[in-house]
Amino acid sequence: MRHASYTLATLEVDNEPLHLLTASLMVVRRPDVPALDWEVVATTLPGETLVQRPVHLVMTELLDGRIFRGDAFVVRSDEQRHVFRGGGSLLGLLPADDLEEEP
């Protein structure tokens, strides 16, 4: 199993920015599983609770400004803590991340 973690500077949910205090993206490549497993955990300023539903996420990585995009599902949300589970591919990964599918 290979994995990578990224600290996020920005996070948009269906084109609406969240006011982040902290957020991270964790990506996992499991052996013999073609799809990536990824999750975003975010803490925001107090605001609205997000309803459990499919969403499109656009994320900016803190260190190099790289943009990640992908469809996810709102797993949990309260006024400040939000968890999103990746529901498909994740755009923005590079070969240097070493998360390509095994041949």
C-alpha atoms as a PDB file:
ATOM      1  CA  MET A   1       0.000   0.000   0.000  1.00  0.00           C
ATOM      2  CA  ARG A   2       1.280   3.464  -0.917  1.00  0.00           C
ATOM      3  CA  HIS A   3      -0.055   6.737   0.402  1.00  0.00           C
ATOM      4  CA  ALA A   4       0.491  10.484   0.308  1.00  0.00           C
ATOM      5  CA  SER A   5      -0.808  13.316   2.449  1.00  0.00           C
ATOM      6  CA  TYR A   6      -1.215  16.958   1.444  1.00  0.00           C
ATOM      7  CA  THR A   7      -1.983  20.036   3.535  1.00  0.00           C
ATOM      8  CA  LEU A   8      -4.592  22.177   1.811  1.00  0.00           C
ATOM      9  CA  ALA A   9      -4.625  25.976   1.573  1.00  0.00           C
ATOM     10  CA  THR A  10      -8.085  26.207  -0.010  1.00  0.00           C
ATOM     11  CA  LEU A  11     -11.108  23.966  -0.439  1.00  0.00           C
ATOM     12  CA  GLU A  12     -14.140  24.624  -2.614  1.00  0.00           C
ATOM     13  CA  VAL A  13     -17.281  22.512  -2.399  1.00  0.00           C
ATOM     14  CA  ASP A  14     -19.401  22.832  -5.557  1.00  0.00           C
ATOM     15  CA  ASN A  15     -17.669  26.172  -6.333  1.00  0.00           C
ATOM     16  CA  GLU A  16     -18.290  27.532  -2.808  1.00  0.00           C
ATOM     17  CA  PRO A  17     -15.117  28.200  -0.789  1.00  0.00           C
ATOM     18  CA  LEU A  18     -14.924  26.975   2.788  1.00  0.00           C
ATOM     19  CA  HIS A  19     -13.231  29.266   5.326  1.00  0.00           C
ATOM     20  CA  LEU A  20     -10.494  26.882   6.422  1.00  0.00           C
ATOM     21  CA  LEU A  21      -8.613  26.728   9.666  1.00  0.00           C
ATOM     22  CA  THR A  22      -6.929  23.493   8.580  1.00  0.00           C
ATOM     23  CA  ALA A  23      -7.512  20.801   5.961  1.00  0.00           C
ATOM     24  CA  SER A  24      -5.716  17.740   4.661  1.00  0.00           C
ATOM     25  CA  LEU A  25      -6.034  15.351   1.746  1.00  0.00           C
ATOM     26  CA  MET A  26      -4.991  11.719   2.220  1.00  0.00           C
ATOM     27  CA  VAL A  27      -4.601   9.509  -0.867  1.00  0.00           C
ATOM     28  CA  VAL A  28      -4.063   5.743  -0.685  1.00  0.00           C
ATOM     29  CA  ARG A  29      -3.225   3.226  -3.431  1.00  0.00           C
ATOM     30  CA  ARG A  30      -4.099  -0.291  -2.283  1.00  0.00           C
ATOM     31  CA  PRO A  31      -2.624  -3.337  -4.015  1.00  0.00           C
ATOM     32  CA  ASP A  32      -4.953  -5.075  -6.466  1.00  0.00           C
ATOM     33  CA  VAL A  33      -7.544  -2.249  -6.302  1.00  0.00           C
ATOM     34  CA  PRO A  34      -7.781  -0.135  -9.463  1.00  0.00           C
ATOM     35  CA  ALA A  35      -9.401   2.933  -7.842  1.00  0.00           C
ATOM     36  CA  LEU A  36      -7.620   5.343  -5.539  1.00  0.00           C
ATOM     37  CA  ASP A  37      -8.916   5.737  -2.015  1.00  0.00           C
ATOM     38  CA  TRP A  38      -8.926   9.393  -0.896  1.00  0.00           C
ATOM     39  CA  GLU A  39     -10.399  11.539   1.832  1.00  0.00           C
ATOM     40  CA  VAL A  40     -10.439  15.203   2.864  1.00  0.00           C
ATOM     41  CA  VAL A  41     -10.777  16.277   6.484  1.00  0.00           C
ATOM     42  CA  ALA A  42     -11.355  19.997   7.080  1.00  0.00           C
ATOM     43  CA  THR A  43     -11.865  22.272  10.051  1.00  0.00           C
ATOM     44  CA  THR A  44     -13.466  25.632   9.266  1.00  0.00           C
ATOM     45  CA  LEU A  45     -14.632  28.770  10.960  1.00  0.00           C
ATOM     46  CA  PRO A  46     -18.129  28.162  12.401  1.00  0.00           C
ATOM     47  CA  GLY A  47     -20.647  27.994   9.579  1.00  0.00           C
ATOM     48  CA  GLU A  48     -23.291  25.839   8.013  1.00  0.00           C
ATOM     49  CA  THR A  49     -23.482  22.080   8.274  1.00  0.00           C
ATOM     50  CA  LEU A  50     -23.137  20.386   4.891  1.00  0.00           C
ATOM     51  CA  VAL A  51     -25.797  17.862   3.954  1.00  0.00           C
ATOM     52  CA  GLN A  52     -24.687  14.318   3.095  1.00  0.00           C
ATOM     53  CA  ARG A  53     -24.586  14.336  -0.699  1.00  0.00           C
ATOM     54  CA  PRO A  54     -22.272  14.014  -3.695  1.00  0.00           C
ATOM     55  CA  VAL A  55     -20.098  17.116  -4.255  1.00  0.00           C
ATOM     56  CA  HIS A  56     -17.272  18.288  -6.482  1.00  0.00           C
ATOM     57  CA  LEU A  57     -14.141  19.401  -4.629  1.00  0.00           C
ATOM     58  CA  VAL A  58     -11.418  21.749  -5.835  1.00  0.00           C
ATOM     59  CA  MET A  59      -8.417  21.931  -3.503  1.00  0.00           C
ATOM     60  CA  THR A  60      -5.180  23.924  -3.520  1.00  0.00           C
ATOM     61  CA  GLU A  61      -2.155  22.334  -1.876  1.00  0.00           C
ATOM     62  CA  LEU A  62      -0.439  24.649   0.620  1.00  0.00           C
ATOM     63  CA  LEU A  63       3.258  24.184  -0.265  1.00  0.00           C
ATOM     64  CA  ASP A  64       3.342  24.291  -4.064  1.00  0.00           C
ATOM     65  CA  GLY A  65      -0.112  25.574  -5.021  1.00  0.00           C
ATOM     66  CA  ARG A  66      -0.989  22.422  -6.925  1.00  0.00           C
ATOM     67  CA  ILE A  67      -4.702  22.059  -7.729  1.00  0.00           C
ATOM     68  CA  PHE A  68      -6.562  18.804  -7.009  1.00  0.00           C
ATOM     69  CA  ARG A  69     -10.082  18.110  -8.304  1.00  0.00           C
ATOM     70  CA  GLY A  70     -12.455  15.247  -7.734  1.00  0.00           C
ATOM     71  CA  ASP A  71     -15.944  14.080  -6.947  1.00  0.00           C
ATOM     72  CA  ALA A  72     -16.606  13.108  -3.352  1.00  0.00           C
ATOM     73  CA  PHE A  73     -19.384  12.485  -0.853  1.00  0.00           C
ATOM     74  CA  VAL A  74     -20.002  14.463   2.333  1.00  0.00           C
ATOM     75  CA  VAL A  75     -19.582  11.786   5.015  1.00  0.00           C
ATOM     76  CA  ARG A  76     -19.872  13.964   8.125  1.00  0.00           C
ATOM     77  CA  SER A  77     -20.311  17.646   8.748  1.00  0.00           C
ATOM     78  CA  ASP A  78     -21.072  19.902  11.665  1.00  0.00           C
ATOM     79  CA  GLU A  79     -20.571  23.641  12.042  1.00  0.00           C
ATOM     80  CA  GLN A  80     -16.763  23.304  11.932  1.00  0.00           C
ATOM     81  CA  ARG A  81     -15.629  19.774  11.009  1.00  0.00           C
ATOM     82  CA  HIS A  82     -16.209  18.203   7.610  1.00  0.00           C
ATOM     83  CA  VAL A  83     -15.195  14.848   6.127  1.00  0.00           C
ATOM     84  CA  PHE A  84     -15.367  14.073   2.406  1.00  0.00           C
ATOM     85  CA  ARG A  85     -14.781  10.638   0.860  1.00  0.00           C
ATOM     86  CA  GLY A  86     -13.433  10.466  -2.692  1.00  0.00           C
ATOM     87  CA  GLY A  87     -15.869   8.884  -5.108  1.00  0.00           C
ATOM     88  CA  GLY A  88     -13.713   8.467  -8.174  1.00  0.00           C
ATOM     89  CA  SER A  89     -10.569   9.738  -9.794  1.00  0.00           C
ATOM     90  CA  LEU A  90      -8.512  12.566  -8.354  1.00  0.00           C
ATOM     91  CA  LEU A  91      -7.010  15.028 -10.828  1.00  0.00           C
ATOM     92  CA  GLY A  92      -3.761  16.765  -9.926  1.00  0.00           C
ATOM     93  CA  LEU A  93      -1.595  13.849  -8.893  1.00  0.00           C
ATOM     94  CA  LEU A  94       1.892  13.714 -10.439  1.00  0.00           C
ATOM     95  CA  PRO A  95       4.120  10.712 -11.262  1.00  0.00           C
ATOM     96  CA  ALA A  96       6.443  11.849  -8.455  1.00  0.00           C
ATOM     97  CA  ASP A  97       3.615  11.159  -5.979  1.00  0.00           C
ATOM     98  CA  ASP A  98       4.192   7.449  -6.737  1.00  0.00           C
ATOM     99  CA  LEU A  99       0.475   6.603  -6.660  1.00  0.00           C
ATOM    100  CA  GLU A 100       0.049   5.271 -10.187  1.00  0.00           C
ATOM    101  CA  GLU A 101      -1.800   2.001 -10.646  1.00  0.00           C
ATOM    102  CA  GLU A 102       0.480  -1.065 -10.522  1.00  0.00           C
ATOM    103  CA  PRO A 103       0.906  -2.780 -13.942  1.00  0.00           C
END
